[in-house]
Amino acid sequence: MTFGTDDGIIVNCPLSIANSPEVSVFDLIKELFSIRLYKSTQGLKVRRATMIAILVLVASGAFKFTQMSFEGWPLLNDQIVRWMVAGMISLLGWWIAFRLVNWPVFADFLVSVEAEMFKVSWPSKSEVYSSTLVVLTMFLVLALLIFGFDLFWVWVFRWIGVVAT
């Protein structure tokens, strides 16, 4: 995957302006109201995970909306109305999340992400264990070293009379 050349031209980047035609607001609105699926069999895991993450954010925001107080808004003081508005927000968020993961530019990016994730060499359980052990050991050694330096300099400063006992 090339992100730049000597001429400064961006190539082979799925989200670059150079590789996609300009998108107008009308095209985005048209895409929002479309029901077609874009490359529905590719990048399923990443697309589903992205959609679930968006839905969790929208649902938590909608739930937070139901817990807020609306003193200046008499209609929103009714708990049933707040839950209905939260439900509509959730439905709208679901639709936007669904359309986002089927938007061609973003869907191509997510498909590329999943393809790259298959190329990652994941460590085995024993490698993770040994690496964690090395990191924790080095952390402990460095903490003890810094503690020792601190004690040394406190002793030096007390000895020369800079720090009172």
N, C-alpha and C. Protein backbone atom coordinates (compact mmCIF):
# COMPACT_ATOMS: atom_id res chain seq x y z
N MET A 1 0.85 -1.17 0.00
CA MET A 1 0.00 0.00 0.00
C MET A 1 0.89 1.24 0.00
N THR A 2 0.75 2.05 -1.00
CA THR A 2 1.56 3.25 -1.13
C THR A 2 0.73 4.45 -0.74
N PHE A 3 1.27 5.29 0.14
CA PHE A 3 0.56 6.48 0.57
C PHE A 3 1.11 7.74 -0.07
N GLY A 4 2.27 7.69 -0.65
CA GLY A 4 2.81 8.88 -1.27
C GLY A 4 3.94 8.53 -2.20
N THR A 5 4.21 9.37 -3.16
CA THR A 5 5.30 9.17 -4.09
C THR A 5 6.26 10.34 -3.96
N ASP A 6 7.33 10.30 -4.76
CA ASP A 6 8.28 11.39 -4.73
C ASP A 6 7.66 12.71 -5.20
N ASP A 7 6.62 12.59 -6.02
CA ASP A 7 5.95 13.80 -6.53
C ASP A 7 4.96 14.36 -5.52
N GLY A 8 4.73 13.64 -4.40
CA GLY A 8 3.78 14.10 -3.42
C GLY A 8 2.35 13.74 -3.74
N ILE A 9 2.13 12.85 -4.72
CA ILE A 9 0.78 12.45 -5.12
C ILE A 9 0.37 11.25 -4.27
N ILE A 10 -0.83 11.30 -3.73
CA ILE A 10 -1.34 10.19 -2.92
C ILE A 10 -1.99 9.17 -3.85
N VAL A 11 -1.53 7.92 -3.73
CA VAL A 11 -2.10 6.86 -4.55
C VAL A 11 -2.40 5.65 -3.68
N ASN A 12 -3.31 4.82 -4.15
CA ASN A 12 -3.66 3.56 -3.51
C ASN A 12 -4.13 3.71 -2.07
N CYS A 13 -4.70 4.79 -1.71
CA CYS A 13 -5.24 4.99 -0.38
C CYS A 13 -6.76 5.00 -0.51
N PRO A 14 -7.46 4.07 0.14
CA PRO A 14 -8.90 3.96 -0.10
C PRO A 14 -9.70 5.19 0.30
N LEU A 15 -9.20 5.99 1.23
CA LEU A 15 -9.95 7.17 1.65
C LEU A 15 -9.41 8.46 1.06
N SER A 16 -8.47 8.36 0.10
CA SER A 16 -7.88 9.59 -0.42
C SER A 16 -8.82 10.27 -1.40
N ILE A 17 -8.66 11.56 -1.50
CA ILE A 17 -9.46 12.35 -2.44
C ILE A 17 -9.05 12.02 -3.87
N ALA A 18 -7.79 11.62 -4.07
CA ALA A 18 -7.29 11.34 -5.41
C ALA A 18 -7.96 10.12 -6.02
N ASN A 19 -8.39 9.16 -5.21
CA ASN A 19 -8.95 7.93 -5.74
C ASN A 19 -10.46 7.90 -5.78
N SER A 20 -11.13 8.85 -5.19
CA SER A 20 -12.58 8.85 -5.21
C SER A 20 -13.07 10.15 -5.80
N PRO A 21 -14.19 10.07 -6.53
CA PRO A 21 -14.75 11.30 -7.07
C PRO A 21 -15.27 12.17 -5.93
N GLU A 22 -15.40 13.45 -6.22
CA GLU A 22 -15.89 14.35 -5.19
C GLU A 22 -17.32 13.96 -4.81
N VAL A 23 -17.59 14.01 -3.53
CA VAL A 23 -18.90 13.63 -3.02
C VAL A 23 -19.62 14.89 -2.60
N SER A 24 -20.81 15.09 -3.17
CA SER A 24 -21.58 16.27 -2.82
C SER A 24 -22.52 15.93 -1.67
N VAL A 25 -23.11 16.96 -1.11
CA VAL A 25 -24.07 16.77 -0.02
C VAL A 25 -25.26 15.98 -0.54
N PHE A 26 -25.65 16.24 -1.78
CA PHE A 26 -26.77 15.51 -2.37
C PHE A 26 -26.45 14.01 -2.44
N ASP A 27 -25.21 13.67 -2.82
CA ASP A 27 -24.83 12.25 -2.88
C ASP A 27 -24.87 11.60 -1.50
N LEU A 28 -24.44 12.34 -0.47
CA LEU A 28 -24.49 11.79 0.89
C LEU A 28 -25.92 11.58 1.35
N ILE A 29 -26.80 12.54 1.06
CA ILE A 29 -28.20 12.40 1.46
C ILE A 29 -28.85 11.26 0.69
N LYS A 30 -28.52 11.16 -0.61
CA LYS A 30 -29.06 10.06 -1.42
C LYS A 30 -28.59 8.71 -0.86
N GLU A 31 -27.35 8.64 -0.45
CA GLU A 31 -26.81 7.41 0.13
C GLU A 31 -27.48 7.10 1.47
N LEU A 32 -27.80 8.13 2.24
CA LEU A 32 -28.44 7.93 3.54
C LEU A 32 -29.82 7.30 3.38
N PHE A 33 -30.53 7.62 2.31
CA PHE A 33 -31.87 7.07 2.12
C PHE A 33 -31.88 5.85 1.20
N SER A 34 -30.73 5.35 0.84
CA SER A 34 -30.64 4.15 0.02
C SER A 34 -30.79 2.92 0.91
N ILE A 35 -31.26 1.81 0.33
CA ILE A 35 -31.38 0.58 1.11
C ILE A 35 -30.46 -0.52 0.56
N ARG A 36 -29.61 -0.18 -0.38
CA ARG A 36 -28.74 -1.20 -0.97
C ARG A 36 -27.57 -1.52 -0.05
N LEU A 37 -27.11 -2.75 -0.17
CA LEU A 37 -25.94 -3.20 0.58
C LEU A 37 -24.73 -3.13 -0.33
N TYR A 38 -23.64 -2.62 0.18
CA TYR A 38 -22.42 -2.49 -0.60
C TYR A 38 -21.45 -3.58 -0.17
N LYS A 39 -21.06 -4.44 -1.10
CA LYS A 39 -20.13 -5.53 -0.83
C LYS A 39 -20.52 -6.26 0.46
N SER A 40 -21.73 -6.78 0.45
CA SER A 40 -22.31 -7.33 1.68
C SER A 40 -21.59 -8.56 2.21
N THR A 41 -20.77 -9.22 1.41
CA THR A 41 -20.09 -10.42 1.88
C THR A 41 -18.65 -10.16 2.29
N GLN A 42 -18.18 -8.94 2.17
CA GLN A 42 -16.79 -8.63 2.46
C GLN A 42 -16.67 -7.82 3.75
N GLY A 43 -15.65 -8.13 4.53
CA GLY A 43 -15.37 -7.37 5.74
C GLY A 43 -16.45 -7.45 6.79
N LEU A 44 -17.10 -8.61 6.91
CA LEU A 44 -18.25 -8.73 7.80
C LEU A 44 -17.90 -8.48 9.26
N LYS A 45 -16.80 -9.04 9.73
CA LYS A 45 -16.47 -8.91 11.16
C LYS A 45 -16.21 -7.46 11.54
N VAL A 46 -15.41 -6.78 10.76
CA VAL A 46 -15.07 -5.38 11.09
C VAL A 46 -16.28 -4.48 10.91
N ARG A 47 -17.07 -4.73 9.90
CA ARG A 47 -18.26 -3.91 9.68
C ARG A 47 -19.27 -4.11 10.80
N ARG A 48 -19.46 -5.35 11.23
CA ARG A 48 -20.38 -5.61 12.34
C ARG A 48 -19.86 -4.99 13.64
N ALA A 49 -18.57 -5.14 13.88
CA ALA A 49 -18.00 -4.56 15.10
C ALA A 49 -18.13 -3.04 15.09
N THR A 50 -17.92 -2.42 13.94
CA THR A 50 -18.08 -0.96 13.83
C THR A 50 -19.52 -0.55 14.07
N MET A 51 -20.44 -1.30 13.50
CA MET A 51 -21.85 -0.97 13.68
C MET A 51 -22.26 -1.15 15.13
N ILE A 52 -21.79 -2.22 15.79
CA ILE A 52 -22.12 -2.43 17.20
C ILE A 52 -21.55 -1.31 18.06
N ALA A 53 -20.32 -0.88 17.76
CA ALA A 53 -19.72 0.21 18.53
C ALA A 53 -20.53 1.50 18.38
N ILE A 54 -20.96 1.79 17.17
CA ILE A 54 -21.78 2.99 16.95
C ILE A 54 -23.10 2.86 17.70
N LEU A 55 -23.71 1.67 17.64
CA LEU A 55 -24.99 1.46 18.33
C LEU A 55 -24.85 1.58 19.84
N VAL A 56 -23.74 1.11 20.39
CA VAL A 56 -23.53 1.25 21.84
C VAL A 56 -23.43 2.72 22.20
N LEU A 57 -22.70 3.50 21.39
CA LEU A 57 -22.58 4.94 21.66
C LEU A 57 -23.94 5.64 21.58
N VAL A 58 -24.72 5.30 20.55
CA VAL A 58 -26.03 5.93 20.38
C VAL A 58 -26.96 5.52 21.52
N ALA A 59 -26.96 4.24 21.88
CA ALA A 59 -27.84 3.75 22.95
C ALA A 59 -27.46 4.38 24.29
N SER A 60 -26.17 4.52 24.55
CA SER A 60 -25.78 5.14 25.82
C SER A 60 -26.17 6.61 25.84
N GLY A 61 -26.06 7.28 24.71
CA GLY A 61 -26.51 8.67 24.63
C GLY A 61 -28.01 8.79 24.79
N ALA A 62 -28.76 7.87 24.19
CA ALA A 62 -30.22 7.89 24.33
C ALA A 62 -30.63 7.61 25.77
N PHE A 63 -29.93 6.66 26.42
CA PHE A 63 -30.24 6.38 27.83
C PHE A 63 -29.92 7.59 28.70
N LYS A 64 -28.80 8.23 28.43
CA LYS A 64 -28.44 9.42 29.19
C LYS A 64 -29.50 10.52 29.00
N PHE A 65 -30.05 10.59 27.80
CA PHE A 65 -31.12 11.55 27.50
C PHE A 65 -32.32 11.31 28.41
N THR A 66 -32.65 10.03 28.67
CA THR A 66 -33.80 9.74 29.52
C THR A 66 -33.56 10.12 30.97
N GLN A 67 -32.30 10.22 31.38
CA GLN A 67 -31.97 10.53 32.77
C GLN A 67 -31.81 12.03 33.02
N MET A 68 -31.78 12.83 31.97
CA MET A 68 -31.58 14.28 32.12
C MET A 68 -32.86 14.94 32.62
N SER A 69 -32.69 16.11 33.24
CA SER A 69 -33.87 16.87 33.65
C SER A 69 -34.06 18.02 32.66
N PHE A 70 -35.29 18.22 32.28
CA PHE A 70 -35.64 19.28 31.34
C PHE A 70 -36.63 20.21 32.02
N GLU A 71 -36.12 21.09 32.87
CA GLU A 71 -36.99 21.97 33.65
C GLU A 71 -37.69 23.00 32.79
N GLY A 72 -37.04 23.48 31.76
CA GLY A 72 -37.65 24.49 30.91
C GLY A 72 -38.51 23.91 29.80
N TRP A 73 -38.59 22.61 29.70
CA TRP A 73 -39.33 21.94 28.64
C TRP A 73 -40.41 21.06 29.27
N PRO A 74 -41.61 21.56 29.40
CA PRO A 74 -42.65 20.79 30.10
C PRO A 74 -42.99 19.46 29.43
N LEU A 75 -42.92 19.40 28.11
CA LEU A 75 -43.24 18.15 27.42
C LEU A 75 -42.22 17.07 27.73
N LEU A 76 -40.93 17.47 27.83
CA LEU A 76 -39.88 16.49 28.08
C LEU A 76 -39.76 16.11 29.55
N ASN A 77 -40.56 16.73 30.44
CA ASN A 77 -40.56 16.32 31.83
C ASN A 77 -41.27 14.99 32.01
N ASP A 78 -42.12 14.63 31.07
CA ASP A 78 -42.83 13.35 31.13
C ASP A 78 -41.86 12.22 30.76
N GLN A 79 -41.74 11.23 31.63
CA GLN A 79 -40.80 10.13 31.42
C GLN A 79 -41.14 9.32 30.18
N ILE A 80 -42.40 9.13 29.89
CA ILE A 80 -42.80 8.35 28.71
C ILE A 80 -42.36 9.06 27.44
N VAL A 81 -42.52 10.37 27.39
CA VAL A 81 -42.11 11.15 26.22
C VAL A 81 -40.60 11.04 26.04
N ARG A 82 -39.85 11.14 27.15
CA ARG A 82 -38.39 11.03 27.05
C ARG A 82 -37.98 9.67 26.51
N TRP A 83 -38.63 8.59 26.97
CA TRP A 83 -38.29 7.26 26.46
C TRP A 83 -38.68 7.11 24.98
N MET A 84 -39.78 7.75 24.57
CA MET A 84 -40.15 7.70 23.15
C MET A 84 -39.13 8.44 22.30
N VAL A 85 -38.69 9.61 22.76
CA VAL A 85 -37.66 10.36 22.04
C VAL A 85 -36.36 9.55 22.00
N ALA A 86 -36.01 8.92 23.12
CA ALA A 86 -34.80 8.10 23.16
C ALA A 86 -34.92 6.92 22.19
N GLY A 87 -36.09 6.35 22.09
CA GLY A 87 -36.31 5.26 21.12
C GLY A 87 -36.15 5.74 19.69
N MET A 88 -36.67 6.93 19.40
CA MET A 88 -36.51 7.48 18.04
C MET A 88 -35.05 7.80 17.75
N ILE A 89 -34.35 8.31 18.76
CA ILE A 89 -32.91 8.58 18.58
C ILE A 89 -32.17 7.26 18.31
N SER A 90 -32.54 6.22 19.04
CA SER A 90 -31.90 4.91 18.84
C SER A 90 -32.18 4.36 17.45
N LEU A 91 -33.42 4.48 16.99
CA LEU A 91 -33.74 4.00 15.65
C LEU A 91 -32.99 4.79 14.58
N LEU A 92 -32.93 6.09 14.75
CA LEU A 92 -32.18 6.93 13.81
C LEU A 92 -30.70 6.56 13.83
N GLY A 93 -30.16 6.34 15.02
CA GLY A 93 -28.76 5.93 15.13
C GLY A 93 -28.51 4.58 14.50
N TRP A 94 -29.46 3.65 14.65
CA TRP A 94 -29.32 2.34 14.02
C TRP A 94 -29.27 2.50 12.50
N TRP A 95 -30.17 3.32 11.95
CA TRP A 95 -30.20 3.50 10.51
C TRP A 95 -28.92 4.18 10.01
N ILE A 96 -28.44 5.18 10.71
CA ILE A 96 -27.21 5.87 10.30
C ILE A 96 -26.02 4.91 10.39
N ALA A 97 -25.96 4.10 11.44
CA ALA A 97 -24.87 3.13 11.56
C ALA A 97 -24.93 2.12 10.43
N PHE A 98 -26.13 1.65 10.11
CA PHE A 98 -26.31 0.70 9.02
C PHE A 98 -25.87 1.30 7.69
N ARG A 99 -26.26 2.54 7.44
CA ARG A 99 -25.89 3.18 6.18
C ARG A 99 -24.39 3.51 6.14
N LEU A 100 -23.82 3.84 7.30
CA LEU A 100 -22.40 4.19 7.35
C LEU A 100 -21.54 2.99 6.96
N VAL A 101 -21.85 1.80 7.48
CA VAL A 101 -21.04 0.64 7.14
C VAL A 101 -21.31 0.14 5.73
N ASN A 102 -22.32 0.68 5.06
CA ASN A 102 -22.58 0.36 3.66
C ASN A 102 -22.26 1.52 2.72
N TRP A 103 -21.72 2.60 3.24
CA TRP A 103 -21.28 3.72 2.41
C TRP A 103 -20.01 3.26 1.70
N PRO A 104 -19.95 3.32 0.37
CA PRO A 104 -18.84 2.72 -0.37
C PRO A 104 -17.44 3.11 0.10
N VAL A 105 -17.20 4.38 0.37
CA VAL A 105 -15.86 4.80 0.77
C VAL A 105 -15.50 4.20 2.13
N PHE A 106 -16.41 4.28 3.09
CA PHE A 106 -16.14 3.76 4.43
C PHE A 106 -16.14 2.23 4.43
N ALA A 107 -17.04 1.62 3.66
CA ALA A 107 -17.08 0.15 3.60
C ALA A 107 -15.80 -0.39 2.99
N ASP A 108 -15.27 0.25 1.95
CA ASP A 108 -14.00 -0.20 1.37
C ASP A 108 -12.87 -0.09 2.38
N PHE A 109 -12.89 0.97 3.19
CA PHE A 109 -11.89 1.12 4.24
C PHE A 109 -11.99 -0.02 5.25
N LEU A 110 -13.21 -0.34 5.68
CA LEU A 110 -13.39 -1.42 6.66
C LEU A 110 -13.00 -2.78 6.08
N VAL A 111 -13.28 -3.01 4.80
CA VAL A 111 -12.87 -4.25 4.15
C VAL A 111 -11.36 -4.34 4.14
N SER A 112 -10.70 -3.23 3.85
CA SER A 112 -9.23 -3.20 3.86
C SER A 112 -8.67 -3.44 5.26
N VAL A 113 -9.33 -2.90 6.27
CA VAL A 113 -8.89 -3.13 7.65
C VAL A 113 -8.95 -4.61 7.99
N GLU A 114 -10.06 -5.25 7.63
CA GLU A 114 -10.17 -6.68 7.93
C GLU A 114 -9.13 -7.49 7.17
N ALA A 115 -8.85 -7.13 5.93
CA ALA A 115 -7.83 -7.84 5.16
C ALA A 115 -6.46 -7.68 5.81
N GLU A 116 -6.17 -6.49 6.32
CA GLU A 116 -4.88 -6.28 6.99
C GLU A 116 -4.80 -7.02 8.31
N MET A 117 -5.92 -7.16 9.01
CA MET A 117 -5.91 -7.86 10.29
C MET A 117 -5.56 -9.33 10.12
N PHE A 118 -5.89 -9.91 8.96
CA PHE A 118 -5.52 -11.30 8.72
C PHE A 118 -4.02 -11.45 8.47
N LYS A 119 -3.36 -10.36 8.10
CA LYS A 119 -1.92 -10.40 7.85
C LYS A 119 -1.10 -10.23 9.13
N VAL A 120 -1.73 -9.82 10.21
CA VAL A 120 -1.02 -9.59 11.46
C VAL A 120 -0.60 -10.94 12.04
N SER A 121 0.64 -11.00 12.51
CA SER A 121 1.08 -12.24 13.18
C SER A 121 0.82 -12.07 14.67
N TRP A 122 -0.17 -12.78 15.16
CA TRP A 122 -0.57 -12.69 16.55
C TRP A 122 0.34 -13.59 17.38
N PRO A 123 0.78 -13.11 18.54
CA PRO A 123 1.66 -13.93 19.39
C PRO A 123 0.87 -15.07 20.04
N SER A 124 1.62 -16.13 20.36
CA SER A 124 1.00 -17.25 21.05
C SER A 124 0.82 -16.89 22.53
N LYS A 125 0.12 -17.77 23.25
CA LYS A 125 -0.12 -17.51 24.67
C LYS A 125 1.18 -17.48 25.45
N SER A 126 2.11 -18.37 25.12
CA SER A 126 3.39 -18.39 25.83
C SER A 126 4.22 -17.14 25.53
N GLU A 127 4.15 -16.63 24.30
CA GLU A 127 4.87 -15.40 23.96
C GLU A 127 4.29 -14.20 24.71
N VAL A 128 2.98 -14.14 24.82
CA VAL A 128 2.35 -13.05 25.57
C VAL A 128 2.75 -13.14 27.04
N TYR A 129 2.76 -14.35 27.60
CA TYR A 129 3.13 -14.54 29.00
C TYR A 129 4.58 -14.11 29.24
N SER A 130 5.49 -14.57 28.37
CA SER A 130 6.90 -14.22 28.58
C SER A 130 7.14 -12.73 28.36
N SER A 131 6.49 -12.12 27.39
CA SER A 131 6.65 -10.68 27.16
C SER A 131 6.12 -9.87 28.33
N THR A 132 4.99 -10.30 28.87
CA THR A 132 4.42 -9.62 30.04
C THR A 132 5.34 -9.74 31.24
N LEU A 133 5.92 -10.91 31.41
CA LEU A 133 6.84 -11.12 32.51
C LEU A 133 8.07 -10.23 32.38
N VAL A 134 8.59 -10.08 31.17
CA VAL A 134 9.74 -9.20 30.94
C VAL A 134 9.38 -7.75 31.26
N VAL A 135 8.23 -7.30 30.81
CA VAL A 135 7.81 -5.92 31.05
C VAL A 135 7.63 -5.66 32.54
N LEU A 136 6.96 -6.57 33.25
CA LEU A 136 6.75 -6.38 34.68
C LEU A 136 8.07 -6.42 35.46
N THR A 137 8.98 -7.30 35.05
CA THR A 137 10.28 -7.38 35.71
C THR A 137 11.06 -6.09 35.51
N MET A 138 11.08 -5.58 34.29
CA MET A 138 11.79 -4.33 34.01
C MET A 138 11.15 -3.16 34.77
N PHE A 139 9.84 -3.17 34.88
CA PHE A 139 9.14 -2.14 35.63
C PHE A 139 9.58 -2.17 37.09
N LEU A 140 9.64 -3.35 37.66
CA LEU A 140 10.05 -3.49 39.06
C LEU A 140 11.51 -3.06 39.25
N VAL A 141 12.40 -3.48 38.34
CA VAL A 141 13.82 -3.11 38.44
C VAL A 141 13.99 -1.60 38.34
N LEU A 142 13.32 -0.98 37.37
CA LEU A 142 13.44 0.47 37.23
C LEU A 142 12.84 1.20 38.42
N ALA A 143 11.73 0.70 38.97
CA ALA A 143 11.14 1.34 40.15
C ALA A 143 12.11 1.27 41.33
N LEU A 144 12.74 0.12 41.52
CA LEU A 144 13.71 -0.02 42.61
C LEU A 144 14.93 0.86 42.38
N LEU A 145 15.37 0.97 41.13
CA LEU A 145 16.52 1.82 40.79
C LEU A 145 16.22 3.29 41.09
N ILE A 146 15.06 3.75 40.68
CA ILE A 146 14.69 5.14 40.94
C ILE A 146 14.52 5.37 42.44
N PHE A 147 13.95 4.41 43.15
CA PHE A 147 13.82 4.51 44.60
C PHE A 147 15.20 4.63 45.26
N GLY A 148 16.16 3.82 44.77
CA GLY A 148 17.52 3.88 45.29
C GLY A 148 18.17 5.23 45.02
N PHE A 149 18.03 5.76 43.81
CA PHE A 149 18.57 7.08 43.50
C PHE A 149 17.94 8.15 44.40
N ASP A 150 16.66 8.04 44.62
CA ASP A 150 15.97 9.01 45.47
C ASP A 150 16.52 8.95 46.90
N LEU A 151 16.65 7.76 47.43
CA LEU A 151 17.21 7.63 48.78
C LEU A 151 18.64 8.18 48.85
N PHE A 152 19.44 7.89 47.80
CA PHE A 152 20.82 8.39 47.78
C PHE A 152 20.86 9.91 47.81
N TRP A 153 20.06 10.56 46.94
CA TRP A 153 20.10 12.02 46.88
C TRP A 153 19.50 12.66 48.13
N VAL A 154 18.50 12.03 48.75
CA VAL A 154 17.99 12.55 50.03
C VAL A 154 19.10 12.49 51.07
N TRP A 155 19.83 11.39 51.12
CA TRP A 155 20.94 11.25 52.07
C TRP A 155 22.02 12.31 51.80
N VAL A 156 22.37 12.52 50.51
CA VAL A 156 23.38 13.52 50.16
C VAL A 156 22.94 14.91 50.56
N PHE A 157 21.69 15.28 50.28
CA PHE A 157 21.20 16.62 50.59
C PHE A 157 21.09 16.82 52.10
N ARG A 158 20.75 15.79 52.84
CA ARG A 158 20.71 15.90 54.30
C ARG A 158 22.13 16.04 54.86
N TRP A 159 23.09 15.32 54.26
CA TRP A 159 24.48 15.34 54.72
C TRP A 159 25.11 16.72 54.53
N ILE A 160 24.79 17.39 53.39
CA ILE A 160 25.35 18.72 53.16
C ILE A 160 24.49 19.81 53.80
N GLY A 161 23.35 19.47 54.35
CA GLY A 161 22.53 20.44 55.08
C GLY A 161 21.52 21.19 54.25
N VAL A 162 21.24 20.75 53.03
CA VAL A 162 20.24 21.43 52.19
C VAL A 162 18.83 21.07 52.66
N VAL A 163 18.63 19.83 53.05
CA VAL A 163 17.31 19.37 53.51
C VAL A 163 17.42 19.12 55.00
N ALA A 164 16.47 19.67 55.75
CA ALA A 164 16.47 19.48 57.20
C ALA A 164 15.90 18.10 57.54
N THR A 165 16.36 17.57 58.62
CA THR A 165 15.93 16.24 59.04
C THR A 165 14.57 16.24 59.65
